[in-house]
Protein backbone atom coordinates (compact mmCIF):
# COMPACT_ATOMS: atom_id res chain seq x y z
CA LEU A 1 112.94 101.21 69.56
CA ARG A 2 112.31 104.89 70.03
CA PRO A 3 111.18 106.93 72.71
CA ALA A 4 107.78 109.04 72.36
CA SER A 5 110.17 111.72 71.17
CA LEU A 6 111.35 110.01 68.13
CA ARG A 7 108.23 108.22 66.93
CA PRO A 8 108.34 108.76 62.74
CA PRO A 9 105.27 110.24 61.56
CA SER A 10 104.71 107.72 59.35
CA LEU A 11 103.71 105.13 61.88
CA SER A 12 99.88 106.21 62.48
CA ARG A 13 97.23 103.94 62.92
CA PRO A 14 95.60 101.86 61.08
CA PRO A 15 91.66 102.64 60.90
CA SER A 16 90.60 99.50 61.91
CA ALA A 17 92.44 98.55 64.86
CA PRO A 18 90.65 98.67 67.84
CA ARG A 19 92.30 99.58 71.27
CA THR A 20 92.41 96.43 73.58
CA PRO A 21 91.05 97.22 76.80
CA LEU A 22 93.64 96.41 80.07
CA ARG A 23 92.66 95.34 83.41
CA LEU A 24 94.97 95.64 86.31
CA THR A 25 95.95 93.00 88.56
CA PRO A 26 94.54 93.21 91.91
CA ARG A 27 96.89 93.85 94.51
CA PRO A 28 98.01 90.95 96.43
CA ALA A 29 97.86 90.41 99.98
CA LEU A 30 101.12 91.60 102.34
CA SER A 31 101.99 88.34 102.89
CA THR A 32 102.13 87.48 99.17
CA LEU A 33 105.15 89.94 99.11
CA LYS A 34 107.18 88.19 102.21
CA ALA A 35 106.85 84.80 99.74
CA VAL A 36 109.67 83.96 97.64
CA VAL A 37 108.85 83.56 94.10
CA SER A 38 110.58 82.92 91.08
CA GLU A 39 112.67 85.33 89.53
CA ASP A 40 110.88 85.06 86.07
CA LYS A 41 107.68 85.99 87.64
CA ARG A 42 108.28 88.45 90.34
CA LEU A 43 106.73 92.27 90.11
CA GLU A 44 108.75 93.82 92.95
CA LEU A 45 111.16 92.99 95.80
CA THR A 46 109.99 91.66 98.96
CA LEU A 47 110.19 93.69 102.03
CA GLY A 48 113.42 92.34 103.06
CA GLU A 49 114.85 93.06 99.98
CA LEU A 50 113.48 96.94 99.99
CA VAL A 51 114.51 97.12 103.74
CA LYS A 52 117.95 95.90 102.93
CA THR A 53 118.50 97.75 99.47
CA LEU A 54 118.01 101.08 101.99
CA VAL A 55 119.98 99.94 104.95
CA SER A 56 122.86 99.15 102.60
CA THR A 57 123.13 101.89 100.48
CA CYS A 58 122.95 104.59 103.56
CA LYS A 59 125.81 103.97 105.33
CA ILE A 60 125.46 107.03 107.73
CA GLY A 61 122.63 106.70 110.18
CA THR A 62 121.49 107.58 113.46
CA LEU A 63 122.22 105.53 116.56
CA ALA A 64 120.29 106.04 119.52
CA THR A 65 121.69 104.74 122.79
CA THR A 66 120.25 105.38 126.27
CA LEU A 67 121.63 108.08 128.38
CA PRO A 68 121.65 107.54 132.47
CA LEU A 69 120.40 109.98 134.65
CA ARG A 70 122.85 111.22 137.19
CA GLU A 71 122.24 113.68 140.18
CA ASP A 72 125.03 116.21 141.26
CA ASP A 73 125.71 116.82 144.78
CA ASP A 74 123.93 120.12 144.62
CA GLY A 75 120.84 118.21 143.61
CA VAL A 76 121.23 119.48 139.57
CA HIS A 77 120.48 116.70 137.36
CA ARG A 78 122.81 116.15 134.35
CA PHE A 79 123.13 113.99 131.71
CA GLY A 80 126.58 112.48 131.56
CA PRO A 81 129.65 112.68 133.74
CA GLN A 82 132.20 115.96 133.32
CA SER A 83 135.06 113.60 133.62
CA PRO A 84 136.13 110.25 133.59
CA GLY A 85 136.24 110.51 137.75
CA THR A 86 132.53 110.51 137.69
CA ILE A 87 131.29 107.66 135.53
CA GLU A 88 130.89 105.23 138.18
CA LYS A 89 128.61 107.83 140.05
CA TRP A 90 126.73 108.06 136.47
CA ASP A 91 126.33 104.30 136.04
CA LYS A 92 123.82 104.25 139.00
CA ASP A 93 120.44 103.07 138.78
CA GLY A 94 117.92 106.24 137.49
CA LYS A 95 116.00 107.24 134.95
CA GLU A 96 117.02 106.67 130.74
CA TYR A 97 116.55 108.96 128.41
CA PRO A 98 116.88 108.47 124.31
CA PHE A 99 120.51 109.82 122.85
CA GLY A 100 121.13 109.92 119.20
CA THR A 101 124.15 110.02 117.47
CA LEU A 102 125.61 110.32 113.96
CA VAL A 103 127.33 107.19 113.14
CA SER A 104 129.12 105.58 110.02
CA TYR A 105 128.40 101.83 109.42
CA LEU A 106 128.49 99.07 106.90
CA LEU A 107 126.86 95.68 106.83
CA ASP A 108 128.75 92.39 107.17
CA SER A 109 128.55 89.19 105.25
CA GLU A 110 125.79 88.27 107.73
CA GLY A 111 123.93 91.65 107.08
CA MET A 112 124.53 92.73 110.56
CA PRO A 113 125.32 96.90 110.97
CA VAL A 114 128.98 97.08 111.82
CA MET A 115 130.40 100.54 113.30
CA LEU A 116 133.68 102.04 114.73
CA LEU A 117 132.99 104.06 118.02
CA ALA A 118 135.51 106.00 119.82
CA ASN A 119 135.77 104.23 123.55
CA ASN A 120 135.63 108.30 124.99
CA ALA A 121 132.63 108.91 123.05
CA ALA A 122 129.11 109.60 124.92
CA HIS A 123 127.26 106.76 122.84
CA THR A 124 130.26 104.11 123.78
CA ARG A 125 129.76 105.07 127.62
CA ASN A 126 126.04 104.78 127.16
CA ILE A 127 126.42 101.26 126.01
CA GLY A 128 128.10 100.04 128.77
CA SER A 129 125.19 100.86 130.60
CA ASN A 130 122.62 99.12 128.24
CA ASN A 131 123.27 97.93 124.89
CA LYS A 132 120.08 97.62 123.70
CA VAL A 133 120.43 100.23 120.68
CA ALA A 134 118.35 101.50 117.70
CA LEU A 135 119.84 102.24 114.49
CA TYR A 136 117.99 104.71 111.89
CA ALA A 137 118.80 104.86 108.43
CA GLN A 138 117.26 107.02 105.48
CA ASN A 139 118.69 108.06 102.10
CA PRO A 140 120.66 110.85 102.41
CA GLU A 141 119.07 111.90 98.91
CA SER A 142 115.32 111.30 99.77
CA THR A 143 114.96 113.17 103.25
CA GLY A 144 112.04 114.58 105.40
CA GLN A 145 108.95 112.48 105.60
CA LYS A 146 108.35 111.53 101.72
CA GLY A 147 111.53 109.31 102.14
CA ALA A 148 111.18 105.68 102.81
CA ARG A 149 113.36 104.81 106.24
CA ALA A 150 114.01 101.85 108.36
CA THR A 151 114.87 101.34 112.04
CA LEU A 152 116.92 98.15 113.26
CA VAL A 153 116.66 97.35 117.05
CA GLY A 154 118.68 94.99 118.67
CA ASP A 155 121.71 94.85 120.60
CA ILE A 156 125.15 96.05 120.11
CA VAL A 157 127.77 94.29 121.18
CA LYS A 158 132.01 94.04 120.45
CA ILE A 159 133.56 92.52 118.05
CA GLU A 160 136.13 90.26 119.41
CA ASP A 161 136.76 86.69 117.31
CA ASP A 162 140.31 87.89 115.54
CA LYS A 163 139.15 86.44 112.54
CA GLU A 164 135.92 88.42 112.27
CA LEU A 165 137.86 91.86 113.50
CA ALA A 166 140.42 91.59 110.78
CA GLN A 167 137.28 91.06 107.97
CA CYS A 168 135.60 94.00 109.19
CA LYS A 169 138.54 96.52 109.74
CA GLU A 170 139.22 95.40 105.97
CA ALA A 171 136.13 95.87 104.86
CA TYR A 172 135.59 99.24 106.83
CA ALA A 173 138.61 100.62 105.72
CA ASP A 174 137.90 100.06 102.13
CA MET A 175 134.29 101.70 102.91
CA PHE A 176 135.48 104.69 104.80
CA PRO A 177 138.88 105.43 103.55
CA ASP A 178 138.96 108.73 105.73
CA GLN A 179 138.11 106.46 109.01
CA ALA A 180 140.87 103.91 107.84
CA MET A 181 143.83 105.51 110.03
CA PRO A 182 142.69 104.34 113.24
CA LEU A 183 142.13 100.74 112.11
CA GLN A 184 145.87 100.12 111.30
CA ASP A 185 147.56 101.87 114.86
CA ASP A 186 148.81 99.62 116.70
CA ARG A 187 147.11 101.46 119.69
CA PHE A 188 143.60 101.12 117.73
CA GLU A 189 142.14 99.09 120.81
CA LYS A 190 142.80 101.77 123.32
CA PHE A 191 140.90 104.62 121.32
CA PHE A 192 138.55 102.76 119.26
CA THR A 193 136.26 99.17 119.46
CA LEU A 194 134.30 97.91 116.51
CA TYR A 195 130.65 96.87 117.22
CA LYS A 196 128.05 95.16 115.52
CA ILE A 197 124.42 95.52 116.32
CA GLU A 198 122.49 91.82 116.29
CA VAL A 199 119.67 92.72 114.58
CA LYS A 200 115.97 91.48 116.95
CA ASP A 201 113.39 93.69 115.00
CA ILE A 202 112.70 96.05 112.16
CA TYR A 203 110.03 98.91 111.35
CA TYR A 204 109.98 100.04 108.13
CA VAL A 205 108.42 103.16 106.94
CA SER A 206 108.01 103.40 103.05
CA GLY A 207 106.96 107.25 102.80
CA PHE A 208 104.41 109.81 103.81
CA GLY A 209 101.21 108.53 104.30
CA VAL A 210 101.93 105.16 102.40
CA MET A 211 102.78 102.04 104.32
CA SER A 212 104.58 101.19 107.65
CA THR A 213 105.39 97.85 109.13
CA TRP A 214 107.43 95.35 111.49
CA VAL A 215 110.03 93.23 109.36
CA THR A 216 111.72 90.49 110.81
CA PRO A 217 115.23 89.80 110.82
CA LYS A 218 115.05 86.66 109.37
CA GLU A 219 113.57 88.61 105.85
CA PHE A 220 116.04 91.30 106.48
CA LEU A 221 119.15 88.79 106.57
CA LYS A 222 118.63 86.57 104.27
CA ALA A 223 117.65 89.02 101.45
CA GLN A 224 120.02 90.76 99.20
CA ALA A 225 120.38 94.27 98.21
CA ASP A 226 118.79 95.38 94.59
CA PRO A 227 121.73 95.50 92.11
CA LEU A 228 120.31 99.06 90.97
CA ALA A 229 120.66 99.93 94.19
CA GLU A 230 123.51 102.42 93.70
CA ILE A 231 122.58 103.93 90.77
CA ALA A 232 118.42 103.82 90.93
CA GLY A 233 118.66 107.46 91.93
CA ASP A 234 120.81 108.66 89.15
CA LEU A 235 118.27 106.76 86.53
CA ILE A 236 115.22 108.51 88.04
CA THR A 237 116.79 111.81 87.80
CA GLU A 238 117.62 111.07 84.06
CA TRP A 239 114.54 109.50 83.08
CA ASN A 240 112.44 112.34 85.12
CA ALA A 241 113.84 115.08 82.98
CA LYS A 242 113.99 113.78 79.65
CA HIS A 243 110.35 111.41 79.43
CA SER A 244 107.45 113.10 80.43
CA LYS A 245 105.87 112.73 77.06
CA ASP A 246 106.67 109.17 77.46
CA TYR A 247 105.52 108.97 80.93
CA SER A 248 101.53 110.10 79.30
CA SER A 249 102.01 108.09 76.87
CA VAL A 250 102.40 105.10 79.33
CA ALA A 251 99.27 106.46 81.30
CA ASN A 252 97.17 106.68 78.15
CA ALA A 253 98.37 103.31 76.86
CA PHE A 254 97.86 101.35 80.12
CA PHE A 255 96.04 103.16 82.85
CA GLN A 256 93.42 105.68 80.54
CA GLU A 257 90.55 103.17 81.29
CA GLU A 258 91.40 102.76 84.83
CA LEU A 259 91.56 106.04 85.85
CA GLY A 260 89.46 108.08 83.36
CA PHE A 261 91.59 110.95 83.03
CA ASP A 262 91.07 113.64 80.21
CA ILE A 263 94.91 114.65 80.48
CA ILE A 264 97.85 113.58 82.81
CA GLU A 265 98.87 116.86 84.75
CA GLU A 266 102.10 115.28 85.94
CA ALA A 267 103.72 111.97 85.47
CA ARG A 268 107.20 111.21 87.25
CA VAL A 269 108.95 107.93 88.46
CA THR A 270 109.35 107.21 92.05
CA PHE A 271 111.24 104.09 92.25
CA VAL A 272 113.18 101.10 90.13
CA ASP A 273 114.66 98.49 90.57
CA ARG A 274 115.35 95.18 88.50
CA PHE A 275 111.90 94.04 88.59
CA GLY A 276 110.57 97.13 87.22
CA VAL A 277 109.48 100.47 87.83
CA ASN A 278 106.93 102.85 89.68
CA PHE A 279 104.94 105.48 88.15
CA ARG A 280 103.35 108.14 90.01
CA PHE A 281 100.65 110.15 88.03
CA LYS A 282 98.51 113.49 88.71
CA TYR A 283 95.44 113.91 86.78
CA GLY A 284 92.37 116.17 86.97
CA ILE A 285 88.65 114.84 88.42
CA GLU A 286 85.64 116.27 87.10
CA THR A 287 84.16 118.82 89.62
CA SER A 288 80.49 120.66 89.83
CA ASP A 289 80.11 124.03 88.12
CA GLY A 290 81.95 126.79 90.14
CA GLN A 291 83.92 124.22 92.25
CA PRO A 292 87.93 124.73 92.60
CA GLN A 293 89.98 122.14 90.10
CA LYS A 294 90.54 119.14 92.36
CA TYR A 295 93.33 116.70 91.72
CA ASN A 296 94.11 113.10 92.48
CA PHE A 297 97.42 110.80 92.36
CA ARG A 298 97.70 107.32 92.00
CA GLU A 299 101.16 105.20 91.77
CA TYR A 300 101.30 101.94 89.80
CA ARG A 301 104.41 99.53 88.89
CA ILE A 302 104.96 98.26 85.46
CA GLY A 303 106.97 94.95 85.78
CA PHE A 304 109.86 94.59 83.05
CA ARG A 305 109.52 91.67 81.20
CA VAL A 306 113.13 90.63 82.04
CA PRO A 307 114.99 91.71 85.08
CA ALA A 308 117.60 94.46 84.72
CA PHE A 309 121.06 94.23 86.55
CA ASN A 310 122.94 96.95 85.73
CA LYS A 311 122.24 100.52 83.99
CA GLU A 312 122.28 99.50 80.43
CA GLU A 313 119.68 96.64 81.40
CA ALA A 314 117.76 99.09 83.06
CA GLN A 315 117.85 101.54 80.28
CA SER A 316 116.88 98.71 77.83
CA ALA A 317 113.83 97.51 80.03
CA MET A 318 112.24 101.51 80.34
CA PHE A 319 112.77 101.88 76.78
CA LYS A 320 110.54 98.67 76.26
CA VAL A 321 107.87 99.89 78.39
CA PHE A 322 107.71 103.29 76.32
CA GLN A 323 107.64 101.27 73.12
CA GLU A 324 104.98 99.32 74.31
CA ALA A 325 103.11 102.24 75.05
CA TRP A 326 103.33 103.64 71.87
CA GLU A 327 102.43 100.26 70.04
CA LYS A 328 99.00 100.43 72.21
CA ASN A 329 98.37 104.30 71.85
CA GLU A 330 98.71 103.66 68.07
CA GLY A 331 96.39 100.13 67.89
CA TYR A 332 99.52 97.89 66.88
CA ALA A 333 98.05 94.82 69.12
CA GLY A 334 100.93 92.31 69.81
CA THR A 335 100.52 88.67 70.48
CA ASP A 336 101.00 88.98 74.40
CA ASP A 337 98.99 91.64 75.02
CA ASP A 338 97.18 89.28 77.86
CA HIS A 339 100.79 88.97 79.32
CA SER A 340 101.03 92.99 79.44
CA THR A 341 98.20 92.56 81.94
CA HIS A 342 100.12 90.68 84.78
CA ARG A 343 102.77 93.09 84.85
CA LEU A 344 100.81 96.16 85.75
CA LEU A 345 100.45 96.60 89.42
CA LEU A 346 98.25 99.30 91.47
CA LYS A 347 100.41 100.53 94.25
CA ARG A 348 98.69 103.55 95.76
CA ASP A 349 94.95 104.48 95.21
CA ASP A 350 93.61 108.03 94.77
CA ILE A 351 94.68 110.82 96.94
CA ASP A 352 92.35 113.90 97.10
CA LEU A 353 94.54 116.87 97.79
CA ASN A 354 91.43 119.02 98.43
CA ASP A 355 89.82 117.30 101.46
CA GLY A 356 93.29 115.80 102.79
CA LYS A 357 92.43 112.19 102.59
CA TYR A 358 93.66 109.32 100.75
CA GLN A 359 93.06 105.96 100.06
CA PRO A 360 96.11 103.84 100.59
CA GLY A 361 96.56 101.36 97.74
CA GLY A 362 99.47 99.11 99.07
CA LEU A 363 102.90 99.09 99.56
CA SER A 364 105.04 102.08 97.91
CA GLN A 365 108.66 101.70 97.45
CA GLY A 366 108.66 105.15 96.02
CA GLY A 367 108.49 107.21 99.54
CA GLU A 368 107.78 110.56 97.33
CA THR A 369 105.28 112.77 97.77
């Protein structure tokens, strides 16, 4: 198999070979994505898997606690005590305000976020008054509104079971070696505490102007992170740097009739998981004489023929997509063309950048603008 840049010039299209028009599979309803279906027929991750993949790869998030308001003797309202001796006064009834702090975390075997907090930290004192918290997670490699993010809402509690505590200490030290020393100190409980968040609900946003939805804890906890999660960013960077010509070939082969474009201005991959890859295409649209050029974006998913569970398998699966596109463009009709149409999925409909309007076409996992 060879990508577009290595296509042999001798393999030209036979004059008599007609193009086979392709139709896109309609976008399934949101409830369909939540159903558990067999691995060999799936095109994409479930909502639970999307969130679990995101949260498990972040490892750093913003912990939102509530900060009680106290009043000094002189009538000045302040947030928090100036010394341990004023904590009791600080904890009295009053208005509470959100208070965000940076924390490191990992997911335990059940999928609950676990974090190590200093006993004298502001967020730990806040938890003593109100243990209702939220954890905001967003991959640092996909920042801003373009990136997918999740907010986990729940109750934060101390890990007190000896067996669970030992397991979490070991896992935390492995994940964060720079924080291992306090975990191994005999005075650990005097200065630090391991907490976990018992998740009550989850709010997921897949990117800028795309999709937001609530995800149930049951969906999240039972899901497994995608096996390509740790390498997906590197794969996307590599492919986008090397395969622009192959992306255009994919657009021509699978989506030219659907989009009706003359030329693809820009093509890029926005997301990859074990089931397939998301392409986003920028293309020009017809305008009246004298009108400025207009552009639209559409995002499509192409499912892999076989799920990919490591880098080598993902590279092979992507290469197969390029090969199929080249074969279709050159007029070599395959025996399984009908099967190919069921691996195409519209992710996001037209976005007219000139009038600022867009038509959401469903879930997007890319989180790119």
